[in-house]
């Protein structure tokens, strides 16, 4: 408090839109633009892992050997 008993006036707490820099509007939108990427990252990661798994399985899988069909006697 001041000597005359009055409280000091508080300055402006919020700047008017005219006083802000013109680039600050972009900063506000960055999280809204980046958030969908974080939501889609697990889906994209699963798709990449699935493709990688198929590629590795195809490269290291055992050779396929054809099996001849054999007919045996019935169940009498």
N, C-alpha and C. Protein backbone atom coordinates (compact mmCIF):
# COMPACT_ATOMS: atom_id res chain seq x y z
N UNK A 1 0.84 -1.17 0.00
CA UNK A 1 0.00 0.00 0.00
C UNK A 1 0.88 1.23 0.00
N UNK A 2 0.33 2.28 -0.52
CA UNK A 2 1.09 3.52 -0.57
C UNK A 2 0.90 4.29 0.73
N UNK A 3 1.66 5.33 0.89
CA UNK A 3 1.61 6.10 2.13
C UNK A 3 0.25 6.76 2.34
N UNK A 4 -0.45 7.09 1.26
CA UNK A 4 -1.73 7.75 1.43
C UNK A 4 -2.87 6.75 1.68
N UNK A 5 -2.57 5.45 1.80
CA UNK A 5 -3.57 4.46 2.15
C UNK A 5 -4.28 3.82 0.96
N UNK A 6 -3.94 4.24 -0.23
CA UNK A 6 -4.58 3.64 -1.40
C UNK A 6 -3.72 2.52 -1.95
N UNK A 7 -4.39 1.57 -2.51
CA UNK A 7 -3.65 0.48 -3.14
C UNK A 7 -3.13 0.95 -4.49
N UNK A 8 -1.98 0.41 -4.89
CA UNK A 8 -1.49 0.78 -6.23
C UNK A 8 -2.35 0.12 -7.30
N UNK A 9 -2.48 0.79 -8.39
CA UNK A 9 -3.26 0.23 -9.49
C UNK A 9 -2.47 -0.88 -10.16
N UNK A 10 -3.16 -1.92 -10.46
CA UNK A 10 -2.52 -3.05 -11.12
C UNK A 10 -2.50 -2.76 -12.62
N UNK A 11 -1.37 -3.02 -13.24
CA UNK A 11 -1.26 -2.80 -14.68
C UNK A 11 -2.09 -3.82 -15.44
N UNK A 12 -2.09 -3.68 -16.73
CA UNK A 12 -2.85 -4.61 -17.56
C UNK A 12 -2.29 -6.02 -17.39
N UNK A 13 -3.19 -6.95 -17.19
CA UNK A 13 -2.76 -8.34 -17.07
C UNK A 13 -2.73 -9.04 -18.42
N UNK A 14 -3.57 -8.58 -19.32
CA UNK A 14 -3.65 -9.21 -20.64
C UNK A 14 -3.46 -8.13 -21.68
N UNK A 15 -2.57 -8.39 -22.62
CA UNK A 15 -2.37 -7.44 -23.72
C UNK A 15 -3.54 -7.54 -24.69
N UNK A 16 -3.86 -6.44 -25.27
CA UNK A 16 -4.90 -6.47 -26.29
C UNK A 16 -4.37 -7.17 -27.54
N UNK A 17 -5.24 -7.69 -28.38
CA UNK A 17 -4.78 -8.38 -29.59
C UNK A 17 -3.92 -7.51 -30.49
N UNK A 18 -4.10 -6.21 -30.42
CA UNK A 18 -3.30 -5.32 -31.26
C UNK A 18 -1.85 -5.28 -30.81
N UNK A 19 -1.60 -5.52 -29.51
CA UNK A 19 -0.23 -5.44 -29.00
C UNK A 19 0.56 -6.74 -29.20
N UNK A 20 -0.12 -7.82 -29.53
CA UNK A 20 0.58 -9.08 -29.74
C UNK A 20 1.31 -9.07 -31.07
N UNK A 21 2.34 -9.89 -31.14
CA UNK A 21 3.04 -10.01 -32.42
C UNK A 21 2.18 -10.81 -33.38
N UNK A 22 2.37 -10.62 -34.64
CA UNK A 22 1.52 -11.28 -35.64
C UNK A 22 1.79 -12.78 -35.71
N UNK A 23 2.94 -13.26 -35.28
CA UNK A 23 3.27 -14.67 -35.37
C UNK A 23 2.78 -15.51 -34.22
N UNK A 24 2.23 -14.92 -33.18
CA UNK A 24 1.82 -15.70 -32.01
C UNK A 24 0.59 -16.55 -32.29
N UNK A 25 -0.19 -16.23 -33.30
CA UNK A 25 -1.35 -17.02 -33.64
C UNK A 25 -0.96 -18.40 -34.14
N UNK A 26 0.17 -18.50 -34.81
CA UNK A 26 0.65 -19.78 -35.32
C UNK A 26 1.06 -20.68 -34.16
N UNK A 27 1.65 -20.11 -33.14
CA UNK A 27 2.11 -20.90 -32.00
C UNK A 27 0.93 -21.57 -31.30
N UNK A 28 -0.19 -20.93 -31.27
CA UNK A 28 -1.37 -21.50 -30.63
C UNK A 28 -1.88 -22.72 -31.40
N UNK A 29 -1.76 -22.73 -32.71
CA UNK A 29 -2.29 -23.81 -33.54
C UNK A 29 -1.37 -25.01 -33.64
N UNK A 30 -0.10 -24.88 -33.28
CA UNK A 30 0.85 -25.99 -33.43
C UNK A 30 0.39 -27.25 -32.69
N UNK A 31 -0.02 -27.19 -31.42
CA UNK A 31 -0.47 -28.43 -30.77
C UNK A 31 -1.68 -29.06 -31.45
N UNK A 32 -2.58 -28.25 -31.97
CA UNK A 32 -3.76 -28.79 -32.64
C UNK A 32 -3.39 -29.47 -33.95
N UNK A 33 -2.34 -29.01 -34.58
CA UNK A 33 -1.91 -29.61 -35.84
C UNK A 33 -1.05 -30.85 -35.61
N UNK A 34 -0.33 -30.89 -34.50
CA UNK A 34 0.58 -32.01 -34.22
C UNK A 34 -0.15 -33.16 -33.52
N UNK A 35 -1.20 -32.89 -32.79
CA UNK A 35 -1.90 -33.93 -32.02
C UNK A 35 -2.40 -35.09 -32.88
N UNK A 36 -2.97 -34.86 -34.05
CA UNK A 36 -3.39 -36.01 -34.86
C UNK A 36 -2.23 -36.92 -35.25
N UNK A 37 -1.05 -36.34 -35.42
CA UNK A 37 0.11 -37.17 -35.75
C UNK A 37 0.40 -38.16 -34.62
N UNK A 38 0.31 -37.71 -33.37
CA UNK A 38 0.55 -38.59 -32.24
C UNK A 38 -0.55 -39.65 -32.13
N UNK A 39 -1.75 -39.34 -32.56
CA UNK A 39 -2.82 -40.32 -32.53
C UNK A 39 -2.62 -41.38 -33.62
N UNK A 40 -2.05 -41.00 -34.75
CA UNK A 40 -1.87 -41.93 -35.87
C UNK A 40 -0.55 -42.69 -35.81
N UNK A 41 0.38 -42.28 -34.96
CA UNK A 41 1.68 -42.96 -34.89
C UNK A 41 1.56 -44.43 -34.52
N UNK A 42 0.75 -44.85 -33.55
CA UNK A 42 0.66 -46.28 -33.25
C UNK A 42 0.09 -47.09 -34.42
N UNK A 43 -0.86 -46.52 -35.13
CA UNK A 43 -1.43 -47.22 -36.28
C UNK A 43 -0.37 -47.41 -37.36
N UNK A 44 0.36 -46.36 -37.64
CA UNK A 44 1.44 -46.44 -38.63
C UNK A 44 2.54 -47.39 -38.18
N UNK A 45 2.86 -47.37 -36.90
CA UNK A 45 3.88 -48.28 -36.38
C UNK A 45 3.46 -49.73 -36.49
N UNK A 46 2.20 -50.01 -36.23
CA UNK A 46 1.71 -51.39 -36.37
C UNK A 46 1.75 -51.83 -37.83
N UNK A 47 1.41 -50.95 -38.75
CA UNK A 47 1.46 -51.29 -40.17
C UNK A 47 2.90 -51.57 -40.60
N UNK A 48 3.84 -50.75 -40.15
CA UNK A 48 5.24 -50.98 -40.49
C UNK A 48 5.75 -52.28 -39.90
N UNK A 49 5.39 -52.57 -38.65
CA UNK A 49 5.82 -53.81 -38.01
C UNK A 49 5.24 -55.02 -38.73
N UNK A 50 4.00 -54.92 -39.17
CA UNK A 50 3.37 -56.03 -39.89
C UNK A 50 4.10 -56.29 -41.21
N UNK A 51 4.42 -55.24 -41.95
CA UNK A 51 5.15 -55.40 -43.20
C UNK A 51 6.54 -55.97 -42.95
N UNK A 52 7.20 -55.50 -41.91
CA UNK A 52 8.54 -56.01 -41.57
C UNK A 52 8.46 -57.48 -41.19
N UNK A 53 7.46 -57.85 -40.41
CA UNK A 53 7.30 -59.24 -39.99
C UNK A 53 7.09 -60.15 -41.19
N UNK A 54 6.25 -59.73 -42.14
CA UNK A 54 6.00 -60.52 -43.34
C UNK A 54 7.27 -60.67 -44.16
N UNK A 55 8.05 -59.60 -44.28
CA UNK A 55 9.28 -59.65 -45.05
C UNK A 55 10.28 -60.60 -44.42
N UNK A 56 10.44 -60.52 -43.11
CA UNK A 56 11.39 -61.38 -42.41
C UNK A 56 10.93 -62.83 -42.47
N UNK A 57 9.64 -63.07 -42.31
CA UNK A 57 9.11 -64.43 -42.36
C UNK A 57 9.30 -65.02 -43.76
N UNK A 58 9.12 -64.23 -44.79
CA UNK A 58 9.30 -64.72 -46.16
C UNK A 58 10.77 -65.01 -46.45
N UNK A 59 11.67 -64.22 -45.89
CA UNK A 59 13.10 -64.39 -46.17
C UNK A 59 13.69 -65.57 -45.39
N UNK A 60 13.18 -65.86 -44.21
CA UNK A 60 13.78 -66.90 -43.37
C UNK A 60 12.91 -68.14 -43.25
N UNK A 61 11.77 -68.17 -43.92
CA UNK A 61 10.86 -69.31 -43.81
C UNK A 61 11.45 -70.56 -44.45
N UNK A 62 11.04 -71.74 -43.98
CA UNK A 62 11.55 -72.98 -44.57
C UNK A 62 11.00 -73.17 -45.98
N UNK A 63 11.75 -73.90 -46.78
CA UNK A 63 11.32 -74.17 -48.14
C UNK A 63 10.08 -75.06 -48.10
N UNK A 64 9.15 -74.81 -48.97
CA UNK A 64 7.92 -75.58 -49.01
C UNK A 64 8.17 -76.83 -49.85
N UNK A 65 7.89 -77.99 -49.26
CA UNK A 65 8.07 -79.27 -49.95
C UNK A 65 6.70 -79.82 -50.28
N UNK A 66 6.43 -80.14 -51.55
CA UNK A 66 5.12 -80.68 -51.88
C UNK A 66 4.93 -82.08 -51.28
N UNK A 67 3.72 -82.34 -50.84
CA UNK A 67 3.40 -83.63 -50.24
C UNK A 67 2.46 -84.36 -51.19
N UNK A 68 2.82 -85.61 -51.49
CA UNK A 68 1.97 -86.41 -52.38
C UNK A 68 0.83 -87.01 -51.57
N UNK A 69 -0.36 -86.98 -52.11
CA UNK A 69 -1.51 -87.53 -51.43
C UNK A 69 -1.48 -89.06 -51.53
N UNK A 70 -1.71 -89.74 -50.41
CA UNK A 70 -1.69 -91.19 -50.37
C UNK A 70 -3.05 -91.67 -49.89
N UNK A 71 -3.66 -92.58 -50.62
CA UNK A 71 -4.94 -93.11 -50.23
C UNK A 71 -4.71 -94.47 -49.60
N UNK A 72 -5.21 -94.65 -48.40
CA UNK A 72 -5.05 -95.93 -47.70
C UNK A 72 -6.37 -96.68 -47.72
N UNK A 73 -6.35 -97.90 -47.22
CA UNK A 73 -7.54 -98.74 -47.21
C UNK A 73 -8.60 -98.14 -46.28
N UNK A 74 -9.85 -98.50 -46.48
CA UNK A 74 -10.97 -97.98 -45.72
C UNK A 74 -11.02 -98.53 -44.30
N UNK A 75 -12.02 -98.19 -43.57
CA UNK A 75 -12.17 -98.53 -42.14
C UNK A 75 -12.90 -99.87 -41.94
N UNK A 76 -13.06 -100.68 -42.68
CA UNK A 76 -13.83 -101.93 -42.66
C UNK A 76 -14.41 -102.19 -41.32
